[in-house]
Protein backbone atom coordinates (compact mmCIF):
# COMPACT_ATOMS: atom_id res chain seq x y z
CA UNK A 1 38.77 114.20 54.88
CA UNK A 2 42.12 113.47 54.05
CA UNK A 3 43.12 110.07 51.17
CA UNK A 4 46.15 108.67 51.82
CA UNK A 5 47.60 106.84 49.37
CA UNK A 6 51.33 103.76 49.97
CA UNK A 7 54.00 105.33 48.65
CA UNK A 8 55.76 102.36 45.18
CA UNK A 9 58.70 103.88 44.24
CA UNK A 10 60.90 107.27 44.03
CA UNK A 11 62.43 109.00 41.24
CA UNK A 12 64.26 112.63 41.35
CA UNK A 13 62.60 115.37 39.34
CA UNK A 14 64.45 117.57 36.08
CA UNK A 15 66.00 119.42 38.98
CA UNK A 16 67.16 116.27 41.25
CA UNK A 17 64.63 116.89 43.77
CA UNK A 18 62.89 113.51 45.33
CA UNK A 19 59.02 112.17 44.21
CA UNK A 20 57.35 109.77 46.21
CA UNK A 21 55.38 107.28 43.54
CA UNK A 22 52.04 106.90 44.43
CA UNK A 23 49.70 104.33 44.48
CA UNK A 24 46.74 105.53 42.40
CA UNK A 25 49.60 106.81 40.45
CA UNK A 26 50.03 110.41 41.35
CA UNK A 27 53.10 111.78 43.20
CA UNK A 28 54.25 114.36 45.58
CA UNK A 29 57.72 115.54 46.15
CA UNK A 30 58.77 114.70 49.33
CA UNK A 31 61.98 117.80 49.91
CA UNK A 32 64.35 117.96 52.69
CA UNK A 33 64.54 121.36 53.15
CA UNK A 34 64.99 122.60 56.62
CA UNK A 35 63.14 124.84 58.52
CA UNK A 36 60.52 124.14 55.36
CA UNK A 37 60.13 120.76 55.30
CA UNK A 38 62.23 118.21 57.10
CA UNK A 39 62.55 114.50 55.61
CA UNK A 40 65.56 113.88 56.00
CA UNK A 41 65.06 110.36 55.05
CA UNK A 42 64.92 110.75 51.04
CA UNK A 43 68.98 111.34 51.58
CA UNK A 44 69.90 107.54 51.60
CA UNK A 45 68.01 105.20 49.49
CA UNK A 46 68.18 102.88 52.58
CA UNK A 47 66.25 105.29 54.42
CA UNK A 48 63.67 106.19 51.25
CA UNK A 49 63.42 101.84 50.73
CA UNK A 50 62.03 102.13 54.83
CA UNK A 51 59.34 104.51 53.70
CA UNK A 52 58.71 102.06 51.17
CA UNK A 53 54.94 101.31 51.94
CA UNK A 54 53.88 104.02 54.33
CA UNK A 55 51.65 106.64 53.74
CA UNK A 56 51.25 110.18 51.97
CA UNK A 57 48.52 112.32 52.00
CA UNK A 58 47.37 112.75 48.11
CA UNK A 59 46.44 116.16 47.31
CA UNK A 60 45.16 115.48 43.82
CA UNK A 61 43.00 112.17 45.28
CA UNK A 62 41.65 114.91 47.78
CA UNK A 63 40.68 117.36 44.89
CA UNK A 64 38.91 113.75 43.04
CA UNK A 65 41.91 114.09 40.21
CA UNK A 66 41.90 111.20 37.63
CA UNK A 67 45.16 109.56 37.67
CA UNK A 68 47.28 110.92 33.66
CA UNK A 69 46.86 108.72 31.27
CA UNK A 70 51.41 108.13 30.97
CA UNK A 71 51.65 107.67 34.75
């Protein structure tokens, strides 16, 4: 069963790709890289803000990974 977690924020990684910060303390890349990943909403602050509180599947929680202490 997939574990969904709410998005609580965003940051950019060292390459400038957007990463969603999840309520569990994990993070997930949310790239807009058509045709593989179509997430045009990551391209503006307004549309990213509109996604706060929405849910993404957390693969790390699915695997039972604990949150890193420095996150």
